[in-house]
Amino acid sequence: MKISEILDKKGRDIYSIEENRSILDFVMNLTEKRIGCLLVRNSDNEITGIATERDLVKAYSKYKNQITSMNVKEIMTPLSQIITIKEDEDVQNAMSIMTSKKIRHLPTINDKNKVSGMLSIGDLVNALLTVKDTQIMMLQDYINGKYPG
């Protein structure tokens, strides 16, 4: 299964926040949208990084109560360190990247090198389970003589 198939099914919504917004705004956005990360953009609408729940936890452990006076730019992962995947790649490759890099969100890139969506580890698990369920059904049908072979 290709990444593009997952994006077509779940949607290609890309949520972002301006880098100078407060940490409280960031948390409110995550909560309202029920997501775990936001792409970060500057005032020219250019992507400058990604901010995740994990970035928030790391920042809190380092800065404690000072975090309430910080902005998103101060806790985000900068653009140069963002790991992405092409949407024409296979789900297994995305799972391998996320597992080896210990990340839970993976921005997807289209054939024009533009961000085309966001994959979560949950999206990948659901896709892989769907593939496995289909394979099991096909094997059961074959065993039960329902599959022409």
N, C-alpha and C. Protein backbone atom coordinates (compact mmCIF):
# COMPACT_ATOMS: atom_id res chain seq x y z
N MET A 1 0.85 -1.18 0.00
CA MET A 1 0.00 0.00 0.00
C MET A 1 0.89 1.24 0.00
N LYS A 2 0.50 2.21 -0.81
CA LYS A 2 1.26 3.46 -0.92
C LYS A 2 0.74 4.50 0.08
N ILE A 3 1.64 5.40 0.44
CA ILE A 3 1.30 6.49 1.36
C ILE A 3 0.13 7.31 0.79
N SER A 4 0.16 7.55 -0.52
CA SER A 4 -0.90 8.35 -1.15
C SER A 4 -2.28 7.74 -0.93
N GLU A 5 -2.37 6.42 -0.86
CA GLU A 5 -3.66 5.76 -0.61
C GLU A 5 -4.18 6.08 0.79
N ILE A 6 -3.28 6.12 1.75
CA ILE A 6 -3.68 6.47 3.12
C ILE A 6 -4.16 7.92 3.16
N LEU A 7 -3.41 8.81 2.51
CA LEU A 7 -3.78 10.23 2.50
C LEU A 7 -5.13 10.44 1.81
N ASP A 8 -5.36 9.71 0.71
CA ASP A 8 -6.63 9.84 0.00
C ASP A 8 -7.79 9.41 0.90
N LYS A 9 -7.56 8.39 1.71
CA LYS A 9 -8.62 7.87 2.58
C LYS A 9 -8.85 8.75 3.81
N LYS A 10 -7.77 9.16 4.47
CA LYS A 10 -7.91 9.91 5.73
C LYS A 10 -8.05 11.41 5.53
N GLY A 11 -7.62 11.89 4.38
CA GLY A 11 -7.64 13.32 4.11
C GLY A 11 -6.24 13.89 4.12
N ARG A 12 -6.10 15.00 3.43
CA ARG A 12 -4.78 15.61 3.28
C ARG A 12 -4.68 16.94 4.04
N ASP A 13 -5.48 17.06 5.08
CA ASP A 13 -5.44 18.29 5.87
C ASP A 13 -4.05 18.48 6.45
N ILE A 14 -3.57 19.71 6.33
CA ILE A 14 -2.27 20.06 6.89
C ILE A 14 -2.51 21.21 7.86
N TYR A 15 -2.27 20.95 9.13
CA TYR A 15 -2.49 21.97 10.15
C TYR A 15 -1.17 22.63 10.49
N SER A 16 -1.23 23.94 10.69
CA SER A 16 -0.01 24.67 11.00
C SER A 16 -0.32 25.80 11.98
N ILE A 17 0.76 26.36 12.49
CA ILE A 17 0.67 27.47 13.43
C ILE A 17 1.82 28.42 13.14
N GLU A 18 1.60 29.70 13.34
CA GLU A 18 2.67 30.67 13.13
C GLU A 18 3.68 30.54 14.26
N GLU A 19 4.95 30.66 13.90
CA GLU A 19 6.04 30.40 14.84
C GLU A 19 6.07 31.33 16.05
N ASN A 20 5.48 32.50 15.95
CA ASN A 20 5.49 33.45 17.08
C ASN A 20 4.30 33.31 18.01
N ARG A 21 3.44 32.33 17.76
CA ARG A 21 2.29 32.10 18.63
C ARG A 21 2.76 31.48 19.95
N SER A 22 1.96 31.65 20.96
CA SER A 22 2.32 31.18 22.30
C SER A 22 2.20 29.66 22.41
N ILE A 23 2.84 29.12 23.41
CA ILE A 23 2.74 27.69 23.70
C ILE A 23 1.30 27.33 24.04
N LEU A 24 0.60 28.22 24.74
CA LEU A 24 -0.81 27.98 25.06
C LEU A 24 -1.63 27.85 23.78
N ASP A 25 -1.39 28.73 22.80
CA ASP A 25 -2.09 28.63 21.51
C ASP A 25 -1.79 27.28 20.84
N PHE A 26 -0.55 26.87 20.93
CA PHE A 26 -0.13 25.58 20.36
C PHE A 26 -0.91 24.43 21.00
N VAL A 27 -0.94 24.42 22.33
CA VAL A 27 -1.65 23.37 23.06
C VAL A 27 -3.14 23.40 22.73
N MET A 28 -3.72 24.57 22.66
CA MET A 28 -5.15 24.69 22.33
C MET A 28 -5.44 24.15 20.93
N ASN A 29 -4.56 24.45 19.98
CA ASN A 29 -4.72 23.93 18.61
C ASN A 29 -4.68 22.41 18.58
N LEU A 30 -3.70 21.84 19.27
CA LEU A 30 -3.59 20.38 19.32
C LEU A 30 -4.85 19.76 19.92
N THR A 31 -5.31 20.36 21.00
CA THR A 31 -6.48 19.83 21.70
C THR A 31 -7.74 19.94 20.85
N GLU A 32 -7.97 21.11 20.27
CA GLU A 32 -9.17 21.33 19.46
C GLU A 32 -9.22 20.42 18.24
N LYS A 33 -8.07 20.21 17.61
CA LYS A 33 -8.02 19.41 16.39
C LYS A 33 -7.80 17.92 16.66
N ARG A 34 -7.51 17.61 17.93
CA ARG A 34 -7.25 16.22 18.34
C ARG A 34 -6.11 15.61 17.52
N ILE A 35 -5.00 16.36 17.46
CA ILE A 35 -3.82 15.93 16.72
C ILE A 35 -2.60 16.03 17.62
N GLY A 36 -1.47 15.52 17.15
CA GLY A 36 -0.27 15.50 17.96
C GLY A 36 0.86 16.38 17.48
N CYS A 37 0.64 17.09 16.36
CA CYS A 37 1.70 17.99 15.89
C CYS A 37 1.13 19.04 14.95
N LEU A 38 1.88 20.09 14.79
CA LEU A 38 1.55 21.15 13.84
C LEU A 38 2.81 21.53 13.08
N LEU A 39 2.67 21.76 11.79
CA LEU A 39 3.78 22.37 11.07
C LEU A 39 3.85 23.82 11.52
N VAL A 40 5.04 24.36 11.53
CA VAL A 40 5.25 25.74 11.99
C VAL A 40 5.64 26.58 10.78
N ARG A 41 5.02 27.76 10.68
CA ARG A 41 5.28 28.63 9.54
C ARG A 41 5.63 30.04 10.02
N ASN A 42 6.35 30.76 9.16
CA ASN A 42 6.70 32.14 9.49
C ASN A 42 5.61 33.08 8.96
N SER A 43 5.83 34.38 9.08
CA SER A 43 4.81 35.35 8.67
C SER A 43 4.61 35.37 7.15
N ASP A 44 5.56 34.82 6.40
CA ASP A 44 5.42 34.70 4.94
C ASP A 44 4.76 33.38 4.54
N ASN A 45 4.28 32.64 5.53
CA ASN A 45 3.59 31.36 5.32
C ASN A 45 4.53 30.24 4.85
N GLU A 46 5.83 30.41 5.07
CA GLU A 46 6.80 29.37 4.72
C GLU A 46 7.00 28.46 5.92
N ILE A 47 7.10 27.16 5.65
CA ILE A 47 7.30 26.20 6.74
C ILE A 47 8.71 26.37 7.30
N THR A 48 8.77 26.51 8.63
CA THR A 48 10.06 26.68 9.30
C THR A 48 10.38 25.55 10.26
N GLY A 49 9.39 24.68 10.51
CA GLY A 49 9.64 23.58 11.44
C GLY A 49 8.39 22.77 11.70
N ILE A 50 8.49 21.92 12.70
CA ILE A 50 7.36 21.12 13.16
C ILE A 50 7.39 21.13 14.69
N ALA A 51 6.23 21.26 15.29
CA ALA A 51 6.13 21.23 16.76
C ALA A 51 5.22 20.07 17.13
N THR A 52 5.70 19.22 18.02
CA THR A 52 4.97 18.02 18.40
C THR A 52 4.72 18.00 19.91
N GLU A 53 3.86 17.07 20.31
CA GLU A 53 3.62 16.87 21.74
C GLU A 53 4.94 16.55 22.44
N ARG A 54 5.77 15.77 21.80
CA ARG A 54 7.05 15.40 22.39
C ARG A 54 7.95 16.62 22.57
N ASP A 55 7.94 17.54 21.60
CA ASP A 55 8.70 18.79 21.74
C ASP A 55 8.22 19.56 22.97
N LEU A 56 6.92 19.56 23.17
CA LEU A 56 6.33 20.26 24.32
C LEU A 56 6.80 19.64 25.63
N VAL A 57 6.78 18.33 25.71
CA VAL A 57 7.21 17.64 26.94
C VAL A 57 8.69 17.91 27.21
N LYS A 58 9.51 17.83 26.17
CA LYS A 58 10.95 18.11 26.34
C LYS A 58 11.18 19.54 26.84
N ALA A 59 10.46 20.48 26.23
CA ALA A 59 10.61 21.88 26.63
C ALA A 59 10.16 22.09 28.07
N TYR A 60 9.07 21.46 28.46
CA TYR A 60 8.59 21.61 29.83
C TYR A 60 9.60 21.04 30.82
N SER A 61 10.18 19.89 30.50
CA SER A 61 11.15 19.29 31.42
C SER A 61 12.40 20.16 31.55
N LYS A 62 12.72 20.92 30.51
CA LYS A 62 13.91 21.77 30.53
C LYS A 62 13.62 23.15 31.16
N TYR A 63 12.48 23.73 30.81
CA TYR A 63 12.20 25.12 31.20
C TYR A 63 11.16 25.27 32.31
N LYS A 64 10.48 24.19 32.65
CA LYS A 64 9.42 24.20 33.68
C LYS A 64 8.40 25.31 33.42
N ASN A 65 8.13 26.12 34.42
CA ASN A 65 7.07 27.12 34.31
C ASN A 65 7.39 28.27 33.35
N GLN A 66 8.64 28.39 32.95
CA GLN A 66 9.00 29.43 31.98
C GLN A 66 8.35 29.18 30.62
N ILE A 67 7.93 27.94 30.40
CA ILE A 67 7.37 27.57 29.11
C ILE A 67 6.14 28.40 28.76
N THR A 68 5.42 28.88 29.76
CA THR A 68 4.20 29.65 29.49
C THR A 68 4.50 30.99 28.82
N SER A 69 5.71 31.47 28.92
CA SER A 69 6.07 32.74 28.27
C SER A 69 6.84 32.53 26.97
N MET A 70 6.96 31.29 26.54
CA MET A 70 7.71 30.98 25.32
C MET A 70 6.76 30.92 24.12
N ASN A 71 7.37 30.98 22.92
CA ASN A 71 6.57 30.81 21.71
C ASN A 71 6.94 29.50 21.01
N VAL A 72 6.16 29.16 20.01
CA VAL A 72 6.31 27.87 19.33
C VAL A 72 7.70 27.72 18.72
N LYS A 73 8.24 28.79 18.17
CA LYS A 73 9.56 28.73 17.52
C LYS A 73 10.63 28.23 18.49
N GLU A 74 10.47 28.53 19.76
CA GLU A 74 11.48 28.16 20.76
C GLU A 74 11.47 26.67 21.11
N ILE A 75 10.40 25.97 20.79
CA ILE A 75 10.35 24.55 21.14
C ILE A 75 10.30 23.62 19.93
N MET A 76 10.10 24.18 18.74
CA MET A 76 9.90 23.36 17.54
C MET A 76 11.18 22.66 17.09
N THR A 77 11.00 21.66 16.25
CA THR A 77 12.10 21.03 15.53
C THR A 77 12.25 21.83 14.24
N PRO A 78 13.46 22.38 13.97
CA PRO A 78 13.61 23.24 12.79
C PRO A 78 13.49 22.47 11.47
N LEU A 79 13.17 23.20 10.43
CA LEU A 79 12.97 22.63 9.10
C LEU A 79 14.13 21.72 8.67
N SER A 80 15.35 22.13 8.97
CA SER A 80 16.52 21.35 8.55
C SER A 80 16.57 19.96 9.18
N GLN A 81 15.82 19.75 10.26
CA GLN A 81 15.84 18.45 10.95
C GLN A 81 14.56 17.64 10.75
N ILE A 82 13.62 18.17 9.97
CA ILE A 82 12.37 17.44 9.74
C ILE A 82 12.62 16.27 8.80
N ILE A 83 12.10 15.12 9.18
CA ILE A 83 12.17 13.92 8.35
C ILE A 83 10.85 13.82 7.60
N THR A 84 10.93 13.61 6.28
CA THR A 84 9.73 13.52 5.45
C THR A 84 9.77 12.23 4.63
N ILE A 85 8.66 11.96 3.95
CA ILE A 85 8.59 10.81 3.05
C ILE A 85 7.77 11.20 1.83
N LYS A 86 8.16 10.69 0.68
CA LYS A 86 7.40 10.92 -0.56
C LYS A 86 6.11 10.11 -0.50
N GLU A 87 5.03 10.69 -0.98
CA GLU A 87 3.75 10.01 -0.87
C GLU A 87 3.62 8.82 -1.80
N ASP A 88 4.55 8.65 -2.75
CA ASP A 88 4.50 7.47 -3.62
C ASP A 88 5.28 6.29 -3.05
N GLU A 89 5.80 6.45 -1.84
CA GLU A 89 6.52 5.35 -1.19
C GLU A 89 5.56 4.42 -0.47
N ASP A 90 6.08 3.27 -0.10
CA ASP A 90 5.29 2.21 0.52
C ASP A 90 5.11 2.45 2.02
N VAL A 91 4.01 1.97 2.54
CA VAL A 91 3.69 2.09 3.97
C VAL A 91 4.78 1.44 4.82
N GLN A 92 5.31 0.31 4.37
CA GLN A 92 6.36 -0.38 5.14
C GLN A 92 7.58 0.52 5.32
N ASN A 93 7.91 1.30 4.29
CA ASN A 93 9.05 2.21 4.38
C ASN A 93 8.78 3.31 5.41
N ALA A 94 7.56 3.83 5.41
CA ALA A 94 7.19 4.85 6.40
C ALA A 94 7.29 4.30 7.81
N MET A 95 6.80 3.07 8.00
CA MET A 95 6.86 2.44 9.32
C MET A 95 8.32 2.25 9.76
N SER A 96 9.16 1.85 8.82
CA SER A 96 10.58 1.66 9.12
C SER A 96 11.23 2.97 9.55
N ILE A 97 10.93 4.04 8.83
CA ILE A 97 11.49 5.36 9.17
C ILE A 97 11.02 5.80 10.55
N MET A 98 9.73 5.69 10.79
CA MET A 98 9.18 6.15 12.07
C MET A 98 9.72 5.33 13.23
N THR A 99 9.90 4.05 13.02
CA THR A 99 10.42 3.18 14.07
C THR A 99 11.89 3.48 14.34
N SER A 100 12.69 3.56 13.29
CA SER A 100 14.13 3.76 13.48
C SER A 100 14.46 5.15 14.02
N LYS A 101 13.69 6.16 13.61
CA LYS A 101 13.93 7.54 14.06
C LYS A 101 13.16 7.89 15.33
N LYS A 102 12.30 6.95 15.78
CA LYS A 102 11.50 7.15 16.99
C LYS A 102 10.65 8.42 16.91
N ILE A 103 9.94 8.54 15.78
CA ILE A 103 9.04 9.67 15.59
C ILE A 103 7.62 9.15 15.38
N ARG A 104 6.65 10.00 15.70
CA ARG A 104 5.25 9.58 15.60
C ARG A 104 4.48 10.32 14.51
N HIS A 105 5.13 11.28 13.87
CA HIS A 105 4.50 12.05 12.80
C HIS A 105 5.50 12.22 11.66
N LEU A 106 4.99 12.08 10.44
CA LEU A 106 5.85 12.11 9.27
C LEU A 106 5.16 12.93 8.17
N PRO A 107 5.66 14.15 7.91
CA PRO A 107 5.08 14.93 6.81
C PRO A 107 5.34 14.22 5.48
N THR A 108 4.35 14.29 4.59
CA THR A 108 4.48 13.66 3.28
C THR A 108 4.71 14.73 2.22
N ILE A 109 5.47 14.35 1.20
CA ILE A 109 5.86 15.27 0.13
C ILE A 109 5.33 14.72 -1.20
N ASN A 110 4.73 15.58 -2.02
CA ASN A 110 4.23 15.13 -3.32
C ASN A 110 5.32 15.23 -4.39
N ASP A 111 4.94 14.94 -5.64
CA ASP A 111 5.93 14.94 -6.72
C ASP A 111 6.44 16.33 -7.08
N LYS A 112 5.83 17.38 -6.52
CA LYS A 112 6.30 18.75 -6.73
C LYS A 112 7.12 19.25 -5.54
N ASN A 113 7.49 18.31 -4.67
CA ASN A 113 8.26 18.61 -3.45
C ASN A 113 7.54 19.58 -2.51
N LYS A 114 6.23 19.49 -2.48
CA LYS A 114 5.41 20.28 -1.55
C LYS A 114 4.80 19.36 -0.51
N VAL A 115 4.61 19.88 0.69
CA VAL A 115 3.97 19.08 1.74
C VAL A 115 2.55 18.76 1.29
N SER A 116 2.21 17.46 1.36
CA SER A 116 0.91 17.01 0.86
C SER A 116 0.03 16.39 1.94
N GLY A 117 0.58 16.24 3.13
CA GLY A 117 -0.19 15.64 4.21
C GLY A 117 0.69 15.32 5.40
N MET A 118 0.07 14.69 6.39
CA MET A 118 0.80 14.30 7.61
C MET A 118 0.35 12.90 8.00
N LEU A 119 1.32 12.03 8.18
CA LEU A 119 1.03 10.67 8.64
C LEU A 119 1.33 10.56 10.12
N SER A 120 0.47 9.88 10.82
CA SER A 120 0.76 9.56 12.23
C SER A 120 1.03 8.07 12.32
N ILE A 121 1.62 7.66 13.40
CA ILE A 121 1.89 6.24 13.60
C ILE A 121 0.56 5.46 13.61
N GLY A 122 -0.48 6.07 14.13
CA GLY A 122 -1.80 5.44 14.13
C GLY A 122 -2.34 5.22 12.72
N ASP A 123 -2.10 6.18 11.83
CA ASP A 123 -2.52 6.01 10.43
C ASP A 123 -1.86 4.78 9.81
N LEU A 124 -0.57 4.62 10.09
CA LEU A 124 0.17 3.49 9.53
C LEU A 124 -0.29 2.17 10.11
N VAL A 125 -0.49 2.14 11.41
CA VAL A 125 -0.95 0.90 12.06
C VAL A 125 -2.31 0.50 11.48
N ASN A 126 -3.23 1.46 11.35
CA ASN A 126 -4.55 1.15 10.78
C ASN A 126 -4.43 0.63 9.35
N ALA A 127 -3.57 1.24 8.55
CA ALA A 127 -3.39 0.79 7.16
C ALA A 127 -2.82 -0.62 7.11
N LEU A 128 -1.82 -0.88 7.93
CA LEU A 128 -1.22 -2.22 7.93
C LEU A 128 -2.20 -3.27 8.44
N LEU A 129 -3.01 -2.93 9.42
CA LEU A 129 -4.02 -3.87 9.91
C LEU A 129 -5.06 -4.17 8.82
N THR A 130 -5.44 -3.16 8.07
CA THR A 130 -6.39 -3.37 6.97
C THR A 130 -5.82 -4.32 5.93
N VAL A 131 -4.55 -4.13 5.58
CA VAL A 131 -3.89 -5.02 4.61
C VAL A 131 -3.85 -6.44 5.16
N LYS A 132 -3.47 -6.59 6.40
CA LYS A 132 -3.39 -7.93 7.01
C LYS A 132 -4.77 -8.58 7.09
N ASP A 133 -5.80 -7.82 7.44
CA ASP A 133 -7.16 -8.37 7.49
C ASP A 133 -7.59 -8.88 6.12
N THR A 134 -7.27 -8.12 5.08
CA THR A 134 -7.61 -8.53 3.72
C THR A 134 -6.89 -9.82 3.35
N GLN A 135 -5.61 -9.90 3.69
CA GLN A 135 -4.84 -11.11 3.40
C GLN A 135 -5.42 -12.32 4.13
N ILE A 136 -5.80 -12.14 5.37
CA ILE A 136 -6.38 -13.24 6.15
C ILE A 136 -7.69 -13.70 5.52
N MET A 137 -8.54 -12.75 5.13
CA MET A 137 -9.81 -13.13 4.49
C MET A 137 -9.58 -13.90 3.20
N MET A 138 -8.61 -13.46 2.40
CA MET A 138 -8.32 -14.14 1.14
C MET A 138 -7.81 -15.55 1.40
N LEU A 139 -6.95 -15.71 2.38
CA LEU A 139 -6.43 -17.04 2.71
C LEU A 139 -7.54 -17.95 3.24
N GLN A 140 -8.42 -17.40 4.07
CA GLN A 140 -9.55 -18.19 4.57
C GLN A 140 -10.47 -18.63 3.43
N ASP A 141 -10.73 -17.72 2.51
CA ASP A 141 -11.56 -18.06 1.35
C ASP A 141 -10.89 -19.15 0.51
N TYR A 142 -9.59 -19.05 0.35
CA TYR A 142 -8.85 -20.05 -0.42
C TYR A 142 -8.93 -21.42 0.26
N ILE A 143 -8.71 -21.43 1.57
CA ILE A 143 -8.76 -22.68 2.33
C ILE A 143 -10.16 -23.29 2.27
N ASN A 144 -11.17 -22.46 2.32
CA ASN A 144 -12.56 -22.94 2.30
C ASN A 144 -13.09 -23.19 0.88
N GLY A 145 -12.21 -23.08 -0.11
CA GLY A 145 -12.60 -23.37 -1.49
C GLY A 145 -13.42 -22.29 -2.16
N LYS A 146 -13.45 -21.09 -1.58
CA LYS A 146 -14.24 -19.99 -2.16
C LYS A 146 -13.42 -19.15 -3.13
N TYR A 147 -12.16 -19.41 -3.21
CA TYR A 147 -11.26 -18.60 -4.02
C TYR A 147 -10.79 -19.45 -5.20
N PRO A 148 -11.06 -19.01 -6.42
CA PRO A 148 -10.63 -19.83 -7.57
C PRO A 148 -9.11 -19.88 -7.64
N GLY A 149 -8.59 -21.04 -7.65
CA GLY A 149 -7.14 -21.16 -7.64
C GLY A 149 -6.73 -22.16 -8.59
